[in-house]
Protein backbone atom coordinates (compact mmCIF):
# COMPACT_ATOMS: atom_id res chain seq x y z
CA MET A 1 64.79 100.23 133.51
CA ARG A 2 68.14 101.20 134.95
CA VAL A 3 70.80 98.52 135.17
CA ASP A 4 70.97 98.93 138.96
CA ASP A 5 67.31 97.82 139.04
CA ILE A 6 68.38 94.50 137.54
CA PHE A 7 69.53 93.07 140.82
CA HIS A 8 67.00 94.73 143.11
CA GLY A 9 66.25 92.22 145.87
CA LEU A 10 68.62 89.68 144.34
CA MET A 11 71.69 90.17 146.50
CA ALA A 12 70.00 88.78 149.60
CA LYS A 13 69.24 85.54 147.74
CA ILE A 14 72.83 84.84 146.67
CA ASP A 15 74.79 82.65 149.06
CA ASN A 16 77.71 81.84 146.75
CA VAL A 17 80.62 84.29 146.94
CA ASN A 18 81.66 83.67 143.34
CA GLU A 19 78.14 84.30 142.06
CA LEU A 20 77.89 87.44 144.19
CA LYS A 21 81.14 88.86 142.81
CA VAL A 22 80.21 87.96 139.23
CA THR A 23 76.79 89.56 139.68
CA LEU A 24 78.30 92.76 141.10
CA PHE A 25 80.83 92.83 138.28
CA CYS A 26 78.01 92.54 135.72
CA LEU A 27 76.20 95.42 137.42
CA TRP A 28 79.34 97.55 137.04
CA ALA A 29 80.24 96.34 133.53
CA PHE A 30 76.77 96.75 132.04
CA GLU A 31 77.01 100.46 132.87
CA GLN A 32 80.30 100.74 130.97
CA ARG A 33 78.96 99.53 127.63
CA GLU A 34 76.07 100.77 125.53
CA ALA A 35 73.35 98.16 125.19
CA ALA A 36 72.90 96.43 121.82
CA ASN A 37 69.31 96.99 120.72
CA GLY A 38 68.37 97.38 124.37
CA LEU A 39 70.19 94.19 125.45
CA HIS A 40 72.96 94.34 128.07
CA TRP A 41 75.69 91.81 127.33
CA LEU A 42 79.20 90.71 128.25
CA ARG A 43 81.64 88.31 126.64
CA ARG A 44 83.34 85.66 128.71
CA ALA A 45 86.58 87.46 127.84
CA ASP A 46 85.28 90.65 129.48
CA PHE A 47 85.86 89.02 132.87
CA ASP A 48 89.57 88.61 132.16
CA GLY A 49 92.51 90.94 131.58
CA VAL A 50 92.32 94.46 132.94
CA ASN A 51 88.87 93.82 134.41
CA ALA A 52 90.04 90.98 136.65
CA HIS A 53 91.00 93.39 139.44
CA VAL A 54 87.37 94.54 139.68
CA HIS A 55 85.99 91.17 140.77
CA GLY A 56 89.21 89.58 142.05
CA LEU A 57 88.31 86.06 140.91
CA ASP A 58 90.47 83.43 139.23
CA GLU A 59 89.35 81.55 136.11
CA ASP A 60 87.66 78.69 137.94
CA ALA A 61 85.82 81.05 140.30
CA ILE A 62 84.60 83.18 137.35
CA ASP A 63 83.20 80.12 135.61
CA ASP A 64 81.58 78.92 138.83
CA GLY A 65 79.99 82.34 139.40
CA LEU A 66 78.72 82.51 135.84
CA ASP A 67 77.29 79.00 136.03
CA CYS A 68 75.41 79.95 139.20
CA ALA A 69 74.09 83.18 137.66
CA VAL A 70 72.90 81.30 134.57
CA LEU A 71 71.26 78.64 136.74
CA ARG A 72 69.49 81.38 138.71
CA GLU A 73 68.53 82.93 135.34
CA THR A 74 70.01 86.29 136.21
CA LEU A 75 72.08 85.84 133.04
CA LEU A 76 71.36 84.05 129.76
CA ARG A 77 74.29 82.27 128.11
CA VAL A 78 74.26 82.17 124.29
CA THR A 79 76.87 81.40 121.63
CA VAL A 80 77.11 83.70 118.61
CA PRO A 81 79.25 83.76 115.45
CA ALA A 82 82.45 85.78 115.59
CA PRO A 83 85.19 86.49 113.01
CA ASP A 84 87.46 83.92 114.70
CA GLY A 85 84.77 81.28 115.24
CA GLN A 86 82.22 81.31 118.08
CA ALA A 87 81.98 83.41 121.23
CA ASP A 88 79.99 82.97 124.41
CA ILE A 89 78.09 86.00 125.65
CA PHE A 90 76.01 86.57 128.76
CA LEU A 91 72.83 88.64 128.52
CA TYR A 92 70.98 90.26 131.39
CA ALA A 93 67.79 88.20 131.46
CA THR A 94 65.20 90.87 130.72
CA PRO A 95 61.92 89.90 129.05
CA GLU A 96 63.34 91.42 125.85
CA ALA A 97 66.45 89.26 126.09
CA ARG A 98 64.40 86.14 126.74
CA ALA A 99 62.23 86.90 123.72
CA ALA A 100 65.30 87.41 121.54
CA VAL A 101 66.93 84.17 122.70
CA ASN A 102 63.70 82.17 122.27
CA ALA A 103 62.80 83.67 118.89
CA PRO A 104 62.19 81.26 115.99
CA GLY A 105 65.58 80.25 114.64
CA GLY A 106 67.36 81.19 117.87
CA PHE A 107 69.19 84.32 118.95
CA ALA A 108 70.04 86.34 115.85
CA ALA A 109 73.31 88.13 116.59
CA ARG A 110 76.96 88.13 115.55
CA PHE A 111 80.20 89.93 116.27
CA ASP A 112 81.67 92.15 113.58
CA THR A 113 85.40 92.49 112.96
CA GLY A 114 85.55 95.40 115.39
CA GLY A 115 84.24 93.29 118.26
CA HIS A 116 80.82 94.94 118.31
CA LEU A 117 77.72 92.79 118.83
CA ASP A 118 75.25 93.20 116.00
CA VAL A 119 71.79 92.03 117.07
CA LEU A 120 69.82 91.07 113.99
CA PRO A 121 66.05 91.16 113.53
CA PRO A 122 64.42 87.90 114.63
CA ARG A 123 64.12 85.34 111.87
CA PRO A 124 60.47 84.89 110.84
CA SER A 125 58.86 81.56 111.58
CA VAL A 126 58.74 78.95 108.84
CA TYR A 127 54.96 79.35 108.78
CA LYS A 128 55.25 83.02 107.86
CA VAL A 129 58.03 82.32 105.35
CA TYR A 130 55.90 79.64 103.71
CA GLU A 131 52.81 81.85 103.59
CA ASP A 132 54.76 84.82 102.22
CA ASN A 133 56.58 82.84 99.53
CA ILE A 134 54.70 79.64 98.70
CA GLY A 135 51.00 79.93 99.41
CA PRO A 136 48.19 80.05 101.98
CA LEU A 137 48.85 78.32 105.27
CA THR A 138 46.06 75.81 105.82
CA GLY A 139 45.76 73.50 108.78
CA LEU A 140 47.09 70.52 106.82
CA ILE A 141 50.09 72.44 105.54
CA GLY A 142 50.78 73.81 109.00
CA ASP A 143 50.85 70.25 110.36
CA ALA A 144 53.15 69.18 107.52
CA LEU A 145 55.55 72.05 108.19
CA ARG A 146 55.61 71.19 111.89
CA ASP A 147 56.52 67.60 111.03
CA LEU A 148 59.26 68.75 108.65
CA VAL A 149 60.77 70.95 111.37
CA ALA A 150 60.82 67.93 113.68
CA ASP A 151 62.42 65.73 110.99
CA TYR A 152 64.91 68.15 109.43
CA SER A 153 65.17 71.25 111.70
CA GLU A 154 63.77 74.73 111.23
CA ALA A 155 67.00 76.03 109.67
CA TRP A 156 66.89 73.38 106.93
CA LEU A 157 63.25 74.09 106.21
CA HIS A 158 63.97 77.83 105.91
CA ASP A 159 66.76 77.07 103.42
CA ALA A 160 64.65 74.59 101.47
CA ILE A 161 61.85 77.13 101.04
CA SER A 162 64.41 79.66 99.81
CA ALA A 163 65.80 77.13 97.34
CA ALA A 164 62.32 76.32 96.04
CA VAL A 165 61.58 80.01 95.52
CA GLU A 166 64.88 80.54 93.69
CA ARG A 167 64.00 77.68 91.33
CA ASN A 168 60.40 78.93 90.97
CA LYS A 169 59.09 75.57 92.21
CA ARG A 170 56.66 76.81 94.82
CA SER A 171 55.12 73.67 96.25
CA LEU A 172 55.38 71.76 99.48
CA ALA A 173 56.14 68.59 97.54
CA TYR A 174 59.17 70.24 95.96
CA ILE A 175 60.35 71.52 99.34
CA LYS A 176 60.07 68.00 100.72
CA GLY A 177 62.11 66.72 97.79
CA ILE A 178 64.86 69.23 98.48
CA LEU A 179 65.01 68.14 102.11
CA ARG A 180 65.14 64.45 101.18
CA GLY A 181 67.92 65.19 98.71
CA TRP A 182 69.92 67.08 101.33
CA ARG A 183 69.53 64.23 103.78
CA LYS A 184 70.65 61.75 101.13
CA ASP A 185 73.53 63.72 99.63
CA GLY A 186 74.60 65.86 102.57
CA LYS A 187 73.38 69.41 102.73
CA THR A 188 76.78 71.10 102.69
CA HIS A 189 77.80 69.08 99.62
CA ALA A 190 74.49 69.13 97.81
CA ASP A 191 74.45 70.36 94.24
CA PRO A 192 72.50 73.67 94.32
CA THR A 193 71.30 73.03 90.75
CA ARG A 194 70.10 69.52 91.53
CA HIS A 195 66.36 69.06 91.19
CA PRO A 196 64.47 66.52 93.30
CA THR A 197 63.78 63.21 91.59
CA ALA A 198 60.26 62.03 90.94
CA ASP A 199 60.40 59.87 94.06
CA GLU A 200 61.64 62.78 96.18
CA LYS A 201 58.93 65.08 94.89
CA SER A 202 56.08 62.69 95.60
CA ALA A 203 54.00 63.47 98.63
CA ALA A 204 53.03 60.33 100.44
CA GLY A 205 49.57 59.62 101.77
CA ARG A 206 46.04 60.63 101.04
CA TYR A 207 46.93 64.33 100.67
CA ALA A 208 49.48 63.88 97.86
CA ASP A 209 47.34 65.63 95.23
CA PHE A 210 46.67 68.47 97.61
CA PHE A 211 50.37 69.05 98.30
CA GLU A 212 51.29 68.94 94.61
CA ARG A 213 49.30 72.10 93.93
């Protein structure tokens, strides 16, 4: 799909001048930069500096236009790691971009030191990570993993599975113990050599023996 197909039929729907100018600027700017893994993107900073004469908007008008375009879902706003912290980028909302943004673990991308956007492969779901590294994914284990994601977050569960594999303690009970320990001690300050206590390793409920396998 050509970039000029992005906004086919859209212009007639826009009744905000700031959104119209931002949208037209995106149409022009997307053509100036090679897509990253098929994704067209702009930084917030790309609307400033030498490019400001193209759209003719001040800072407040740019932000208003971007907010309107995001609300209309012409653009997707995401925050990605950058060498100097975090950076907002705006993606053209193609099905591919939506899939990347909604992938398990979120949008996997970062800026390198040269200012290039590196789009990473989507992070596998915790269910696949568990099955690949710990054992078969039964219905009971799937439910337990879902509950752990709700209690601790998917990122923590990914890291806890990795820690269990590194320690060659491949059980759901051990993973639960790691998560409890991180919640108790603070994940960023947790001792990486610390092993869950007996209480942390115990799996509560009628399925305790099953989870200890």
